[in-house]
Amino acid sequence: MEVQLTEEQEAQLSQIARRDGKSDAGQLLQDAAMRLLEEDSRFRAAVLEGKAYADRGEFIEEEEMDARFEAMLGS
């Protein structure tokens, strides 16, 4: 797979790679791609789990969800 980047983008990635102790920008991008794939997998699993709860009728009302969000955000 090839990714086309501008010279400025390549320079920025190389700078980040050096700062983070990576061997090069390619390693930085490979690590970022792996994190993206892992996060996508977790997200999809969570959606399927939520759908399964809803299919069984196990969900909460909007008002309760709003209260939970407010509590989480410290509002």
PDB file of N, CA and C in Angstrom:
ATOM      1  N   MET A   1       0.850  -1.168   0.000  1.00  0.00           N
ATOM      2  CA  MET A   1       0.000   0.000   0.000  1.00  0.00           C
ATOM      3  C   MET A   1       0.897   1.232   0.000  1.00  0.00           C
ATOM      4  N   GLU A   2       0.482   2.210  -0.752  1.00  0.00           N
ATOM      5  CA  GLU A   2       1.223   3.464  -0.776  1.00  0.00           C
ATOM      6  C   GLU A   2       0.307   4.593  -0.353  1.00  0.00           C
ATOM      7  N   VAL A   3       0.878   5.553   0.348  1.00  0.00           N
ATOM      8  CA  VAL A   3       0.150   6.734   0.783  1.00  0.00           C
ATOM      9  C   VAL A   3       0.909   7.945   0.263  1.00  0.00           C
ATOM     10  N   GLN A   4       0.195   8.845  -0.395  1.00  0.00           N
ATOM     11  CA  GLN A   4       0.825  10.042  -0.932  1.00  0.00           C
ATOM     12  C   GLN A   4       0.721  11.171   0.082  1.00  0.00           C
ATOM     13  N   LEU A   5       1.869  11.715   0.464  1.00  0.00           N
ATOM     14  CA  LEU A   5       1.926  12.820   1.416  1.00  0.00           C
ATOM     15  C   LEU A   5       2.732  13.958   0.814  1.00  0.00           C
ATOM     16  N   THR A   6       2.434  15.162   1.260  1.00  0.00           N
ATOM     17  CA  THR A   6       3.240  16.294   0.831  1.00  0.00           C
ATOM     18  C   THR A   6       4.581  16.243   1.555  1.00  0.00           C
ATOM     19  N   GLU A   7       5.541  16.994   1.045  1.00  0.00           N
ATOM     20  CA  GLU A   7       6.845  17.050   1.710  1.00  0.00           C
ATOM     21  C   GLU A   7       6.702  17.586   3.129  1.00  0.00           C
ATOM     22  N   GLU A   8       5.828  18.554   3.300  1.00  0.00           N
ATOM     23  CA  GLU A   8       5.602  19.120   4.637  1.00  0.00           C
ATOM     24  C   GLU A   8       5.026  18.069   5.581  1.00  0.00           C
ATOM     25  N   GLN A   9       4.084  17.285   5.113  1.00  0.00           N
ATOM     26  CA  GLN A   9       3.498  16.231   5.944  1.00  0.00           C
ATOM     27  C   GLN A   9       4.552  15.193   6.310  1.00  0.00           C
ATOM     28  N   GLU A  10       5.374  14.815   5.344  1.00  0.00           N
ATOM     29  CA  GLU A  10       6.440  13.850   5.619  1.00  0.00           C
ATOM     30  C   GLU A  10       7.408  14.390   6.660  1.00  0.00           C
ATOM     31  N   ALA A  11       7.753  15.657   6.561  1.00  0.00           N
ATOM     32  CA  ALA A  11       8.666  16.272   7.527  1.00  0.00           C
ATOM     33  C   ALA A  11       8.043  16.291   8.916  1.00  0.00           C
ATOM     34  N   GLN A  12       6.763  16.614   8.984  1.00  0.00           N
ATOM     35  CA  GLN A  12       6.076  16.630  10.278  1.00  0.00           C
ATOM     36  C   GLN A  12       6.045  15.236  10.890  1.00  0.00           C
ATOM     37  N   LEU A  13       5.752  14.235  10.084  1.00  0.00           N
ATOM     38  CA  LEU A  13       5.717  12.861  10.586  1.00  0.00           C
ATOM     39  C   LEU A  13       7.093  12.401  11.042  1.00  0.00           C
ATOM     40  N   SER A  14       8.129  12.768  10.301  1.00  0.00           N
ATOM     41  CA  SER A  14       9.493  12.409  10.702  1.00  0.00           C
ATOM     42  C   SER A  14       9.854  13.057  12.026  1.00  0.00           C
ATOM     43  N   GLN A  15       9.430  14.292  12.202  1.00  0.00           N
ATOM     44  CA  GLN A  15       9.696  15.003  13.458  1.00  0.00           C
ATOM     45  C   GLN A  15       8.987  14.306  14.625  1.00  0.00           C
ATOM     46  N   ILE A  16       7.742  13.930  14.429  1.00  0.00           N
ATOM     47  CA  ILE A  16       6.995  13.228  15.480  1.00  0.00           C
ATOM     48  C   ILE A  16       7.650  11.882  15.776  1.00  0.00           C
ATOM     49  N   ALA A  17       8.060  11.177  14.725  1.00  0.00           N
ATOM     50  CA  ALA A  17       8.698   9.871  14.908  1.00  0.00           C
ATOM     51  C   ALA A  17       9.970  10.000  15.745  1.00  0.00           C
ATOM     52  N   ARG A  18      10.797  10.984  15.416  1.00  0.00           N
ATOM     53  CA  ARG A  18      12.026  11.190  16.198  1.00  0.00           C
ATOM     54  C   ARG A  18      11.702  11.519  17.652  1.00  0.00           C
ATOM     55  N   ARG A  19      10.728  12.399  17.860  1.00  0.00           N
ATOM     56  CA  ARG A  19      10.327  12.793  19.211  1.00  0.00           C
ATOM     57  C   ARG A  19       9.836  11.592  20.018  1.00  0.00           C
ATOM     58  N   ASP A  20       9.113  10.686  19.333  1.00  0.00           N
ATOM     59  CA  ASP A  20       8.535   9.521  20.013  1.00  0.00           C
ATOM     60  C   ASP A  20       9.463   8.313  20.037  1.00  0.00           C
ATOM     61  N   GLY A  21      10.681   8.478  19.530  1.00  0.00           N
ATOM     62  CA  GLY A  21      11.650   7.391  19.572  1.00  0.00           C
ATOM     63  C   GLY A  21      11.406   6.290  18.558  1.00  0.00           C
ATOM     64  N   LYS A  22      10.667   6.581  17.511  1.00  0.00           N
ATOM     65  CA  LYS A  22      10.417   5.599  16.451  1.00  0.00           C
ATOM     66  C   LYS A  22      11.604   5.608  15.487  1.00  0.00           C
ATOM     67  N   SER A  23      11.799   4.489  14.810  1.00  0.00           N
ATOM     68  CA  SER A  23      12.918   4.391  13.875  1.00  0.00           C
ATOM     69  C   SER A  23      12.729   5.308  12.674  1.00  0.00           C
ATOM     70  N   ASP A  24      11.479   5.481  12.236  1.00  0.00           N
ATOM     71  CA  ASP A  24      11.204   6.381  11.117  1.00  0.00           C
ATOM     72  C   ASP A  24       9.708   6.670  11.049  1.00  0.00           C
ATOM     73  N   ALA A  25       9.324   7.535  10.108  1.00  0.00           N
ATOM     74  CA  ALA A  25       7.920   7.903   9.965  1.00  0.00           C
ATOM     75  C   ALA A  25       7.071   6.700   9.554  1.00  0.00           C
ATOM     76  N   GLY A  26       7.660   5.762   8.807  1.00  0.00           N
ATOM     77  CA  GLY A  26       6.920   4.568   8.415  1.00  0.00           C
ATOM     78  C   GLY A  26       6.469   3.765   9.622  1.00  0.00           C
ATOM     79  N   GLN A  27       7.349   3.641  10.605  1.00  0.00           N
ATOM     80  CA  GLN A  27       6.995   2.918  11.831  1.00  0.00           C
ATOM     81  C   GLN A  27       5.895   3.653  12.590  1.00  0.00           C
ATOM     82  N   LEU A  28       5.988   4.975  12.607  1.00  0.00           N
ATOM     83  CA  LEU A  28       4.961   5.792  13.250  1.00  0.00           C
ATOM     84  C   LEU A  28       3.602   5.555  12.595  1.00  0.00           C
ATOM     85  N   LEU A  29       3.576   5.567  11.264  1.00  0.00           N
ATOM     86  CA  LEU A  29       2.327   5.350  10.541  1.00  0.00           C
ATOM     87  C   LEU A  29       1.796   3.938  10.726  1.00  0.00           C
ATOM     88  N   GLN A  30       2.695   2.970  10.761  1.00  0.00           N
ATOM     89  CA  GLN A  30       2.262   1.584  10.975  1.00  0.00           C
ATOM     90  C   GLN A  30       1.631   1.438  12.360  1.00  0.00           C
ATOM     91  N   ASP A  31       2.242   2.032  13.376  1.00  0.00           N
ATOM     92  CA  ASP A  31       1.683   1.984  14.722  1.00  0.00           C
ATOM     93  C   ASP A  31       0.312   2.671  14.774  1.00  0.00           C
ATOM     94  N   ALA A  32       0.199   3.805  14.086  1.00  0.00           N
ATOM     95  CA  ALA A  32      -1.074   4.532  14.064  1.00  0.00           C
ATOM     96  C   ALA A  32      -2.150   3.706  13.358  1.00  0.00           C
ATOM     97  N   ALA A  33      -1.790   3.042  12.275  1.00  0.00           N
ATOM     98  CA  ALA A  33      -2.748   2.202  11.555  1.00  0.00           C
ATOM     99  C   ALA A  33      -3.220   1.043  12.432  1.00  0.00           C
ATOM    100  N   MET A  34      -2.310   0.451  13.183  1.00  0.00           N
ATOM    101  CA  MET A  34      -2.694  -0.651  14.072  1.00  0.00           C
ATOM    102  C   MET A  34      -3.658  -0.160  15.149  1.00  0.00           C
ATOM    103  N   ARG A  35      -3.396   1.022  15.709  1.00  0.00           N
ATOM    104  CA  ARG A  35      -4.313   1.577  16.712  1.00  0.00           C
ATOM    105  C   ARG A  35      -5.684   1.839  16.110  1.00  0.00           C
ATOM    106  N   LEU A  36      -5.715   2.329  14.870  1.00  0.00           N
ATOM    107  CA  LEU A  36      -6.979   2.573  14.189  1.00  0.00           C
ATOM    108  C   LEU A  36      -7.757   1.272  14.011  1.00  0.00           C
ATOM    109  N   LEU A  37      -7.086   0.224  13.571  1.00  0.00           N
ATOM    110  CA  LEU A  37      -7.750  -1.064  13.383  1.00  0.00           C
ATOM    111  C   LEU A  37      -8.267  -1.634  14.699  1.00  0.00           C
ATOM    112  N   GLU A  38      -7.475  -1.508  15.768  1.00  0.00           N
ATOM    113  CA  GLU A  38      -7.905  -1.999  17.078  1.00  0.00           C
ATOM    114  C   GLU A  38      -9.111  -1.214  17.582  1.00  0.00           C
ATOM    115  N   GLU A  39      -9.077   0.112  17.432  1.00  0.00           N
ATOM    116  CA  GLU A  39     -10.193   0.936  17.889  1.00  0.00           C
ATOM    117  C   GLU A  39     -11.450   0.639  17.081  1.00  0.00           C
ATOM    118  N   ASP A  40     -11.310   0.435  15.779  1.00  0.00           N
ATOM    119  CA  ASP A  40     -12.451   0.100  14.942  1.00  0.00           C
ATOM    120  C   ASP A  40     -13.068  -1.222  15.396  1.00  0.00           C
ATOM    121  N   SER A  41     -12.230  -2.184  15.709  1.00  0.00           N
ATOM    122  CA  SER A  41     -12.720  -3.486  16.171  1.00  0.00           C
ATOM    123  C   SER A  41     -13.469  -3.356  17.494  1.00  0.00           C
ATOM    124  N   ARG A  42     -12.908  -2.576  18.428  1.00  0.00           N
ATOM    125  CA  ARG A  42     -13.594  -2.362  19.716  1.00  0.00           C
ATOM    126  C   ARG A  42     -14.930  -1.655  19.524  1.00  0.00           C
ATOM    127  N   PHE A  43     -14.941  -0.636  18.650  1.00  0.00           N
ATOM    128  CA  PHE A  43     -16.172   0.115  18.402  1.00  0.00           C
ATOM    129  C   PHE A  43     -17.252  -0.791  17.831  1.00  0.00           C
ATOM    130  N   ARG A  44     -16.881  -1.596  16.825  1.00  0.00           N
ATOM    131  CA  ARG A  44     -17.863  -2.477  16.202  1.00  0.00           C
ATOM    132  C   ARG A  44     -18.401  -3.510  17.187  1.00  0.00           C
ATOM    133  N   ALA A  45     -17.541  -4.018  18.050  1.00  0.00           N
ATOM    134  CA  ALA A  45     -17.989  -4.971  19.072  1.00  0.00           C
ATOM    135  C   ALA A  45     -18.956  -4.304  20.038  1.00  0.00           C
ATOM    136  N   ALA A  46     -18.671  -3.059  20.421  1.00  0.00           N
ATOM    137  CA  ALA A  46     -19.555  -2.342  21.339  1.00  0.00           C
ATOM    138  C   ALA A  46     -20.909  -2.075  20.696  1.00  0.00           C
ATOM    139  N   VAL A  47     -20.914  -1.735  19.416  1.00  0.00           N
ATOM    140  CA  VAL A  47     -22.177  -1.511  18.714  1.00  0.00           C
ATOM    141  C   VAL A  47     -22.995  -2.798  18.664  1.00  0.00           C
ATOM    142  N   LEU A  48     -22.345  -3.905  18.348  1.00  0.00           N
ATOM    143  CA  LEU A  48     -23.063  -5.187  18.312  1.00  0.00           C
ATOM    144  C   LEU A  48     -23.600  -5.560  19.688  1.00  0.00           C
ATOM    145  N   GLU A  49     -22.815  -5.289  20.727  1.00  0.00           N
ATOM    146  CA  GLU A  49     -23.282  -5.572  22.086  1.00  0.00           C
ATOM    147  C   GLU A  49     -24.497  -4.705  22.423  1.00  0.00           C
ATOM    148  N   GLY A  50     -24.438  -3.431  22.063  1.00  0.00           N
ATOM    149  CA  GLY A  50     -25.571  -2.538  22.310  1.00  0.00           C
ATOM    150  C   GLY A  50     -26.805  -2.964  21.547  1.00  0.00           C
ATOM    151  N   LYS A  51     -26.614  -3.400  20.307  1.00  0.00           N
ATOM    152  CA  LYS A  51     -27.738  -3.879  19.507  1.00  0.00           C
ATOM    153  C   LYS A  51     -28.358  -5.117  20.142  1.00  0.00           C
ATOM    154  N   ALA A  52     -27.530  -5.998  20.654  1.00  0.00           N
ATOM    155  CA  ALA A  52     -28.043  -7.207  21.301  1.00  0.00           C
ATOM    156  C   ALA A  52     -28.879  -6.844  22.531  1.00  0.00           C
ATOM    157  N   TYR A  53     -28.399  -5.864  23.326  1.00  0.00           N
ATOM    158  CA  TYR A  53     -29.177  -5.405  24.478  1.00  0.00           C
ATOM    159  C   TYR A  53     -30.530  -4.854  24.018  1.00  0.00           C
ATOM    160  N   ALA A  54     -30.503  -4.021  22.999  1.00  0.00           N
ATOM    161  CA  ALA A  54     -31.744  -3.412  22.507  1.00  0.00           C
ATOM    162  C   ALA A  54     -32.687  -4.473  21.964  1.00  0.00           C
ATOM    163  N   ASP A  55     -32.143  -5.455  21.243  1.00  0.00           N
ATOM    164  CA  ASP A  55     -32.982  -6.526  20.712  1.00  0.00           C
ATOM    165  C   ASP A  55     -33.685  -7.296  21.823  1.00  0.00           C
ATOM    166  N   ARG A  56     -33.046  -7.380  22.982  1.00  0.00           N
ATOM    167  CA  ARG A  56     -33.657  -8.063  24.130  1.00  0.00           C
ATOM    168  C   ARG A  56     -34.547  -7.120  24.947  1.00  0.00           C
ATOM    169  N   GLY A  57     -34.627  -5.856  24.515  1.00  0.00           N
ATOM    170  CA  GLY A  57     -35.446  -4.888  25.249  1.00  0.00           C
ATOM    171  C   GLY A  57     -34.758  -4.331  26.476  1.00  0.00           C
ATOM    172  N   GLU A  58     -33.435  -4.507  26.560  1.00  0.00           N
ATOM    173  CA  GLU A  58     -32.672  -4.031  27.715  1.00  0.00           C
ATOM    174  C   GLU A  58     -32.024  -2.694  27.376  1.00  0.00           C
ATOM    175  N   PHE A  59     -32.774  -1.629  27.555  1.00  0.00           N
ATOM    176  CA  PHE A  59     -32.223  -0.304  27.307  1.00  0.00           C
ATOM    177  C   PHE A  59     -32.826   0.668  28.297  1.00  0.00           C
ATOM    178  N   ILE A  60     -32.255   1.856  28.349  1.00  0.00           N
ATOM    179  CA  ILE A  60     -32.735   2.849  29.307  1.00  0.00           C
ATOM    180  C   ILE A  60     -33.411   3.984  28.550  1.00  0.00           C
ATOM    181  N   GLU A  61     -34.235   4.712  29.264  1.00  0.00           N
ATOM    182  CA  GLU A  61     -34.941   5.831  28.670  1.00  0.00           C
ATOM    183  C   GLU A  61     -33.993   7.011  28.452  1.00  0.00           C
ATOM    184  N   GLU A  62     -34.380   7.906  27.569  1.00  0.00           N
ATOM    185  CA  GLU A  62     -33.543   9.051  27.201  1.00  0.00           C
ATOM    186  C   GLU A  62     -33.204   9.923  28.410  1.00  0.00           C
ATOM    187  N   GLU A  63     -34.145  10.130  29.291  1.00  0.00           N
ATOM    188  CA  GLU A  63     -33.903  10.979  30.458  1.00  0.00           C
ATOM    189  C   GLU A  63     -32.803  10.407  31.344  1.00  0.00           C
ATOM    190  N   GLU A  64     -32.812   9.089  31.517  1.00  0.00           N
ATOM    191  CA  GLU A  64     -31.779   8.456  32.334  1.00  0.00           C
ATOM    192  C   GLU A  64     -30.415   8.565  31.650  1.00  0.00           C
ATOM    193  N   MET A  65     -30.403   8.401  30.332  1.00  0.00           N
ATOM    194  CA  MET A  65     -29.140   8.523  29.600  1.00  0.00           C
ATOM    195  C   MET A  65     -28.602   9.939  29.712  1.00  0.00           C
ATOM    196  N   ASP A  66     -29.469  10.949  29.594  1.00  0.00           N
ATOM    197  CA  ASP A  66     -29.058  12.335  29.748  1.00  0.00           C
ATOM    198  C   ASP A  66     -28.439  12.568  31.119  1.00  0.00           C
ATOM    199  N   ALA A  67     -29.078  12.005  32.138  1.00  0.00           N
ATOM    200  CA  ALA A  67     -28.555  12.169  33.506  1.00  0.00           C
ATOM    201  C   ALA A  67     -27.194  11.514  33.646  1.00  0.00           C
ATOM    202  N   ARG A  68     -27.016  10.361  33.037  1.00  0.00           N
ATOM    203  CA  ARG A  68     -25.710   9.684  33.090  1.00  0.00           C
ATOM    204  C   ARG A  68     -24.619  10.512  32.399  1.00  0.00           C
ATOM    205  N   PHE A  69     -24.952  11.068  31.220  1.00  0.00           N
ATOM    206  CA  PHE A  69     -23.982  11.910  30.514  1.00  0.00           C
ATOM    207  C   PHE A  69     -23.619  13.138  31.343  1.00  0.00           C
ATOM    208  N   GLU A  70     -24.608  13.768  31.930  1.00  0.00           N
ATOM    209  CA  GLU A  70     -24.333  14.937  32.760  1.00  0.00           C
ATOM    210  C   GLU A  70     -23.432  14.587  33.930  1.00  0.00           C
ATOM    211  N   ALA A  71     -23.675  13.440  34.550  1.00  0.00           N
ATOM    212  CA  ALA A  71     -22.847  13.001  35.668  1.00  0.00           C
ATOM    213  C   ALA A  71     -21.419  12.719  35.201  1.00  0.00           C
ATOM    214  N   MET A  72     -21.287  12.106  34.029  1.00  0.00           N
ATOM    215  CA  MET A  72     -19.956  11.799  33.497  1.00  0.00           C
ATOM    216  C   MET A  72     -19.179  13.078  33.180  1.00  0.00           C
ATOM    217  N   LEU A  73     -19.877  14.081  32.677  1.00  0.00           N
ATOM    218  CA  LEU A  73     -19.222  15.322  32.306  1.00  0.00           C
ATOM    219  C   LEU A  73     -19.061  16.278  33.482  1.00  0.00           C
ATOM    220  N   GLY A  74     -19.599  15.899  34.612  1.00  0.00           N
ATOM    221  CA  GLY A  74     -19.471  16.727  35.808  1.00  0.00           C
ATOM    222  C   GLY A  74     -20.307  18.002  35.747  1.00  0.00           C
ATOM    223  N   SER A  75     -21.377  17.953  34.963  1.00  0.00           N
ATOM    224  CA  SER A  75     -22.242  19.130  34.805  1.00  0.00           C
ATOM    225  C   SER A  75     -23.174  19.266  35.975  1.00  0.00           C
TER     226      SER A  75
END
